Amino acid sequence: FGLVTPVVAIVRQELDELILNRGEVKEVFTVRLSRLCDTQLHGYTQFRGGSGFEHGFSLPVYCGGPHIIWGLTAVMTYQVMSALLGDQYSHDIDKQCDVR
């Protein structure tokens, strides 16, 4: 079981030049903002309602990078992109129907 900590940063050097604490960081990867904005690389995953949820819900998914971004990391990515770009950012996740 691992812990994922998404970090938003401007990286001005090559990733192999970063000094990582291997006890805390297994891997670092980047995804260009232009790829995160590309609606062809957007998706969503749906969860059925369960304990405490009357209906299911949809969460964003981002493809096009070295890994698929999903779960809490995708939710945080969605929030950051919405805050950075406002109305210029579009992800159809809010248009998905409830899962029953």
C-alpha atoms as a PDB file:
ATOM      1  CA  PHE A   1       0.000   0.000   0.000  1.00  0.00           C
ATOM      2  CA  GLY A   2       1.407   3.373  -0.960  1.00  0.00           C
ATOM      3  CA  LEU A   3       0.728   7.012  -0.407  1.00  0.00           C
ATOM      4  CA  VAL A   4       0.377   9.365  -3.376  1.00  0.00           C
ATOM      5  CA  THR A   5       1.154  13.047  -2.906  1.00  0.00           C
ATOM      6  CA  PRO A   6       0.511  15.116  -6.012  1.00  0.00           C
ATOM      7  CA  VAL A   7       2.710  18.181  -6.367  1.00  0.00           C
ATOM      8  CA  VAL A   8       2.129  21.085  -8.736  1.00  0.00           C
ATOM      9  CA  ALA A   9       5.333  22.852  -9.705  1.00  0.00           C
ATOM     10  CA  ILE A  10       7.221  24.609 -12.429  1.00  0.00           C
ATOM     11  CA  VAL A  11      10.186  22.360 -13.145  1.00  0.00           C
ATOM     12  CA  ARG A  12      13.113  24.290 -14.593  1.00  0.00           C
ATOM     13  CA  GLN A  13      15.506  21.358 -14.734  1.00  0.00           C
ATOM     14  CA  GLU A  14      15.581  17.831 -16.034  1.00  0.00           C
ATOM     15  CA  LEU A  15      13.808  15.295 -13.822  1.00  0.00           C
ATOM     16  CA  ASP A  16      16.956  13.184 -13.549  1.00  0.00           C
ATOM     17  CA  GLU A  17      18.659  16.208 -11.934  1.00  0.00           C
ATOM     18  CA  LEU A  18      16.184  16.261  -9.035  1.00  0.00           C
ATOM     19  CA  ILE A  19      17.495  14.953  -5.734  1.00  0.00           C
ATOM     20  CA  LEU A  20      14.840  12.584  -4.387  1.00  0.00           C
ATOM     21  CA  ASN A  21      14.497  11.043  -0.969  1.00  0.00           C
ATOM     22  CA  ARG A  22      14.034   7.418  -2.091  1.00  0.00           C
ATOM     23  CA  GLY A  23      12.528   6.615   1.296  1.00  0.00           C
ATOM     24  CA  GLU A  24       9.639   8.954   0.475  1.00  0.00           C
ATOM     25  CA  VAL A  25       9.499   9.168  -3.317  1.00  0.00           C
ATOM     26  CA  LYS A  26       9.211   6.172  -5.609  1.00  0.00           C
ATOM     27  CA  GLU A  27       8.718   8.051  -8.862  1.00  0.00           C
ATOM     28  CA  VAL A  28       8.359  11.559 -10.275  1.00  0.00           C
ATOM     29  CA  PHE A  29       6.659  12.253 -13.586  1.00  0.00           C
ATOM     30  CA  THR A  30       5.316  15.294 -15.373  1.00  0.00           C
ATOM     31  CA  VAL A  31       2.354  15.990 -17.617  1.00  0.00           C
ATOM     32  CA  ARG A  32       2.244  19.167 -19.682  1.00  0.00           C
ATOM     33  CA  LEU A  33      -0.660  21.523 -18.996  1.00  0.00           C
ATOM     34  CA  SER A  34      -1.547  21.346 -22.689  1.00  0.00           C
ATOM     35  CA  ARG A  35      -2.076  17.582 -22.338  1.00  0.00           C
ATOM     36  CA  LEU A  36      -4.180  18.033 -19.207  1.00  0.00           C
ATOM     37  CA  CYS A  37      -6.343  20.477 -21.207  1.00  0.00           C
ATOM     38  CA  ASP A  38      -6.737  18.133 -24.190  1.00  0.00           C
ATOM     39  CA  THR A  39     -10.331  16.873 -23.987  1.00  0.00           C
ATOM     40  CA  GLN A  40      -9.367  13.858 -26.138  1.00  0.00           C
ATOM     41  CA  LEU A  41      -7.276  12.668 -23.172  1.00  0.00           C
ATOM     42  CA  HIS A  42     -10.035  13.130 -20.567  1.00  0.00           C
ATOM     43  CA  GLY A  43     -12.169  10.365 -19.185  1.00  0.00           C
ATOM     44  CA  TYR A  44     -14.087   9.526 -16.061  1.00  0.00           C
ATOM     45  CA  THR A  45     -14.701   6.616 -13.778  1.00  0.00           C
ATOM     46  CA  GLN A  46     -18.001   5.947 -12.068  1.00  0.00           C
ATOM     47  CA  PHE A  47     -18.626   4.501  -8.638  1.00  0.00           C
ATOM     48  CA  ARG A  48     -21.919   2.986  -7.595  1.00  0.00           C
ATOM     49  CA  GLY A  49     -23.658   4.249  -4.491  1.00  0.00           C
ATOM     50  CA  GLY A  50     -22.805   2.454  -1.313  1.00  0.00           C
ATOM     51  CA  SER A  51     -22.837   3.047   2.382  1.00  0.00           C
ATOM     52  CA  GLY A  52     -23.575   6.726   2.959  1.00  0.00           C
ATOM     53  CA  PHE A  53     -24.224   7.509  -0.712  1.00  0.00           C
ATOM     54  CA  GLU A  54     -27.739   7.566  -2.152  1.00  0.00           C
ATOM     55  CA  HIS A  55     -26.383   7.648  -5.708  1.00  0.00           C
ATOM     56  CA  GLY A  56     -23.051   6.881  -7.260  1.00  0.00           C
ATOM     57  CA  PHE A  57     -20.634   9.515  -8.488  1.00  0.00           C
ATOM     58  CA  SER A  58     -18.181  10.193 -11.295  1.00  0.00           C
ATOM     59  CA  LEU A  59     -14.554  11.225 -10.944  1.00  0.00           C
ATOM     60  CA  PRO A  60     -12.203  12.599 -13.605  1.00  0.00           C
ATOM     61  CA  VAL A  61      -9.458  10.559 -15.269  1.00  0.00           C
ATOM     62  CA  TYR A  62      -6.509  11.956 -17.268  1.00  0.00           C
ATOM     63  CA  CYS A  63      -4.684   9.917 -19.904  1.00  0.00           C
ATOM     64  CA  GLY A  64      -1.816  10.900 -22.161  1.00  0.00           C
ATOM     65  CA  GLY A  65       1.007  10.925 -19.646  1.00  0.00           C
ATOM     66  CA  PRO A  66       3.349   8.185 -18.487  1.00  0.00           C
ATOM     67  CA  HIS A  67       0.593   7.016 -16.098  1.00  0.00           C
ATOM     68  CA  ILE A  68      -3.173   7.344 -15.998  1.00  0.00           C
ATOM     69  CA  ILE A  69      -4.113   9.942 -13.384  1.00  0.00           C
ATOM     70  CA  TRP A  70      -7.215   8.891 -11.466  1.00  0.00           C
ATOM     71  CA  GLY A  71      -8.717   8.868  -7.972  1.00  0.00           C
ATOM     72  CA  LEU A  72      -7.842  11.599  -5.509  1.00  0.00           C
ATOM     73  CA  THR A  73      -4.902  12.771  -7.626  1.00  0.00           C
ATOM     74  CA  ALA A  74      -7.263  13.338 -10.591  1.00  0.00           C
ATOM     75  CA  VAL A  75      -9.725  15.217  -8.370  1.00  0.00           C
ATOM     76  CA  MET A  76      -6.922  17.504  -7.161  1.00  0.00           C
ATOM     77  CA  THR A  77      -5.673  17.933 -10.737  1.00  0.00           C
ATOM     78  CA  TYR A  78      -9.194  18.891 -11.833  1.00  0.00           C
ATOM     79  CA  GLN A  79      -9.455  21.450  -9.019  1.00  0.00           C
ATOM     80  CA  VAL A  80      -6.038  22.981  -9.803  1.00  0.00           C
ATOM     81  CA  MET A  81      -6.795  23.199 -13.534  1.00  0.00           C
ATOM     82  CA  SER A  82     -10.177  24.807 -12.834  1.00  0.00           C
ATOM     83  CA  ALA A  83      -8.584  27.335 -10.460  1.00  0.00           C
ATOM     84  CA  LEU A  84      -5.736  28.158 -12.873  1.00  0.00           C
ATOM     85  CA  LEU A  85      -7.763  28.426 -16.066  1.00  0.00           C
ATOM     86  CA  GLY A  86     -11.309  29.190 -14.910  1.00  0.00           C
ATOM     87  CA  ASP A  87     -13.847  29.119 -17.725  1.00  0.00           C
ATOM     88  CA  GLN A  88     -11.134  28.323 -20.269  1.00  0.00           C
ATOM     89  CA  TYR A  89     -10.800  24.829 -18.776  1.00  0.00           C
ATOM     90  CA  SER A  90     -13.276  22.133 -19.729  1.00  0.00           C
ATOM     91  CA  HIS A  91     -13.697  18.580 -18.482  1.00  0.00           C
ATOM     92  CA  ASP A  92     -17.045  16.868 -19.062  1.00  0.00           C
ATOM     93  CA  ILE A  93     -16.995  15.178 -15.671  1.00  0.00           C
ATOM     94  CA  ASP A  94     -19.689  17.492 -14.303  1.00  0.00           C
ATOM     95  CA  LYS A  95     -21.983  16.426 -17.158  1.00  0.00           C
ATOM     96  CA  GLN A  96     -21.981  12.751 -16.274  1.00  0.00           C
ATOM     97  CA  CYS A  97     -25.184  11.184 -14.970  1.00  0.00           C
ATOM     98  CA  ASP A  98     -25.677   9.712 -11.504  1.00  0.00           C
ATOM     99  CA  VAL A  99     -24.980   6.005 -11.148  1.00  0.00           C
ATOM    100  CA  ARG A 100     -27.688   4.142  -9.262  1.00  0.00           C
END
